[in-house]
Amino acid sequence: MIKHSVKDSLVYLSIDKMDFSYRIPIKKTGNKIDWRIGAKGTEGIVFKGVSKWTLQLFTKKNTEDKYIQQFKSIVLQHCPNNTIDWEETLLAVDVQNEYNILSTAVNAADGQDEIISTLKTKYKLDEK
């Protein structure tokens, strides 16, 4: 479960069984970015209009979808007019987490193209 509170225009977040907490300015909870997956200097995979904070919070360690859904509810509560593409965000979290696992399993420099190709095929990203 995510615990959150608001104080001084900041959303304070802590997530069960995770050893971190965050303070996010309320007006920035709805920030979106274009998220790029892959090594520097490569084309990689790009997701457009995704939640900056969802990716920051949930791609360092694998997490359960229920936490992402709870965070989405918090964002919608405090920033209801956001233009985040939530489907893309959820897909980006899944792909980034799998990329992290695959890149630690192989020499990332040697297998980068193969990892990206595998992820594009598995998640049907070429069809987008």
Protein backbone atom coordinates (compact mmCIF):
# COMPACT_ATOMS: atom_id res chain seq x y z
CA MET A 1 0.00 0.00 0.00
CA ILE A 2 1.14 3.53 -0.71
CA LYS A 3 0.79 5.96 2.13
CA HIS A 4 0.56 9.57 1.16
CA SER A 5 -0.09 12.90 2.75
CA VAL A 6 -0.02 16.49 1.61
CA LYS A 7 1.82 19.22 3.46
CA ASP A 8 3.19 22.55 2.25
CA SER A 9 2.21 21.87 -1.39
CA LEU A 10 4.13 18.57 -1.38
CA VAL A 11 2.83 15.03 -1.69
CA TYR A 12 4.71 12.75 0.71
CA LEU A 13 4.79 9.13 -0.47
CA SER A 14 5.98 5.93 1.16
CA ILE A 15 5.45 2.46 -0.22
CA ASP A 16 5.17 -0.69 1.88
CA LYS A 17 8.22 -2.96 1.74
CA MET A 18 10.25 -0.35 -0.13
CA ASP A 19 13.12 1.47 1.49
CA PHE A 20 12.46 4.90 0.07
CA SER A 21 10.02 7.74 0.34
CA TYR A 22 9.48 10.73 -1.89
CA ARG A 23 8.28 14.29 -1.66
CA ILE A 24 6.81 15.53 -4.91
CA PRO A 25 5.48 19.04 -5.47
CA ILE A 26 1.73 18.71 -6.03
CA LYS A 27 1.81 20.64 -9.29
CA LYS A 28 4.51 18.27 -10.65
CA THR A 29 2.71 14.98 -9.92
CA GLY A 30 1.11 15.19 -13.36
CA ASN A 31 4.38 15.80 -15.23
CA LYS A 32 4.86 13.73 -18.35
CA ILE A 33 7.96 12.94 -20.39
CA ASP A 34 9.15 10.95 -23.36
CA TRP A 35 10.86 7.90 -21.79
CA ARG A 36 13.70 6.21 -23.64
CA ILE A 37 14.80 2.64 -22.92
CA GLY A 38 18.20 1.45 -24.09
CA ALA A 39 21.88 2.27 -23.85
CA LYS A 40 23.15 5.73 -24.68
CA GLY A 41 23.94 6.17 -28.32
CA THR A 42 21.39 3.63 -29.49
CA GLU A 43 17.92 4.14 -30.92
CA GLY A 44 16.29 2.15 -28.14
CA ILE A 45 12.57 2.27 -27.45
CA VAL A 46 10.71 5.54 -26.81
CA PHE A 47 7.40 5.97 -25.01
CA LYS A 48 5.76 9.37 -25.41
CA GLY A 49 3.66 11.27 -22.86
CA VAL A 50 4.27 8.95 -19.92
CA SER A 51 4.19 9.77 -16.21
CA LYS A 52 7.62 10.95 -15.11
CA TRP A 53 7.05 10.03 -11.49
CA THR A 54 5.57 6.60 -12.14
CA LEU A 55 8.70 5.68 -14.08
CA GLN A 56 10.98 7.23 -11.45
CA LEU A 57 9.27 5.35 -8.64
CA PHE A 58 8.59 1.96 -10.17
CA THR A 59 11.45 1.08 -12.52
CA LYS A 60 14.37 0.88 -10.13
CA LYS A 61 12.99 -2.30 -8.55
CA ASN A 62 10.19 -4.46 -9.86
CA THR A 63 6.94 -3.64 -8.17
CA GLU A 64 3.40 -4.89 -8.10
CA ASP A 65 0.82 -3.33 -10.41
CA LYS A 66 -1.38 -2.46 -7.44
CA TYR A 67 1.19 0.14 -6.33
CA ILE A 68 1.23 1.72 -9.77
CA GLN A 69 -2.58 1.87 -9.77
CA GLN A 70 -2.55 3.46 -6.31
CA PHE A 71 -0.03 6.05 -7.49
CA LYS A 72 -2.18 6.75 -10.55
CA SER A 73 -5.13 7.43 -8.22
CA ILE A 74 -2.99 9.82 -6.18
CA VAL A 75 -1.95 11.70 -9.33
CA LEU A 76 -5.55 11.90 -10.53
CA GLN A 77 -6.63 13.15 -7.11
CA HIS A 78 -4.07 15.95 -6.95
CA CYS A 79 -3.69 16.73 -10.65
CA PRO A 80 -6.99 15.73 -12.29
CA ASN A 81 -6.36 17.61 -15.55
CA ASN A 82 -3.10 15.83 -16.37
CA THR A 83 -2.53 14.59 -19.91
CA ILE A 84 -0.50 11.52 -19.03
CA ASP A 85 -0.98 8.52 -21.32
CA TRP A 86 -1.54 5.90 -18.63
CA GLU A 87 -1.61 2.92 -21.00
CA GLU A 88 1.79 3.95 -22.38
CA THR A 89 3.04 4.55 -18.83
CA LEU A 90 2.09 1.06 -17.66
CA LEU A 91 3.63 -0.48 -20.77
CA ALA A 92 6.81 1.59 -20.29
CA VAL A 93 7.15 0.38 -16.68
CA ASP A 94 6.81 -3.26 -17.77
CA VAL A 95 9.28 -2.87 -20.64
CA GLN A 96 11.80 -0.93 -18.54
CA ASN A 97 11.68 -3.50 -15.74
CA GLU A 98 12.19 -6.36 -18.18
CA TYR A 99 14.98 -4.42 -19.91
CA ASN A 100 16.70 -4.03 -16.52
CA ILE A 101 16.51 -7.77 -15.89
CA LEU A 102 17.73 -8.73 -19.38
CA SER A 103 20.56 -6.21 -19.41
CA THR A 104 21.96 -7.56 -16.14
CA ALA A 105 21.74 -11.13 -17.45
CA VAL A 106 23.90 -10.44 -20.51
CA ASN A 107 26.76 -8.14 -21.27
CA ALA A 108 24.63 -5.08 -22.03
CA ALA A 109 27.07 -3.62 -24.54
CA ASP A 110 27.21 -6.81 -26.59
CA GLY A 111 23.55 -7.74 -26.37
CA GLN A 112 21.91 -4.31 -26.55
CA ASP A 113 20.43 -4.69 -30.03
CA GLU A 114 19.23 -8.19 -29.21
CA ILE A 115 17.56 -7.05 -25.96
CA ILE A 116 15.77 -4.17 -27.69
CA SER A 117 14.69 -6.45 -30.55
CA THR A 118 13.38 -9.06 -28.10
CA LEU A 119 11.39 -6.45 -26.17
CA LYS A 120 9.95 -4.90 -29.34
CA THR A 121 8.78 -8.33 -30.48
CA LYS A 122 7.41 -9.45 -27.12
CA TYR A 123 5.46 -6.24 -26.49
CA LYS A 124 4.56 -5.75 -30.19
CA LEU A 125 6.12 -2.29 -30.18
CA ASP A 126 6.80 -2.25 -33.91
CA GLU A 127 3.05 -2.30 -34.48
CA LYS A 128 2.54 1.07 -32.75
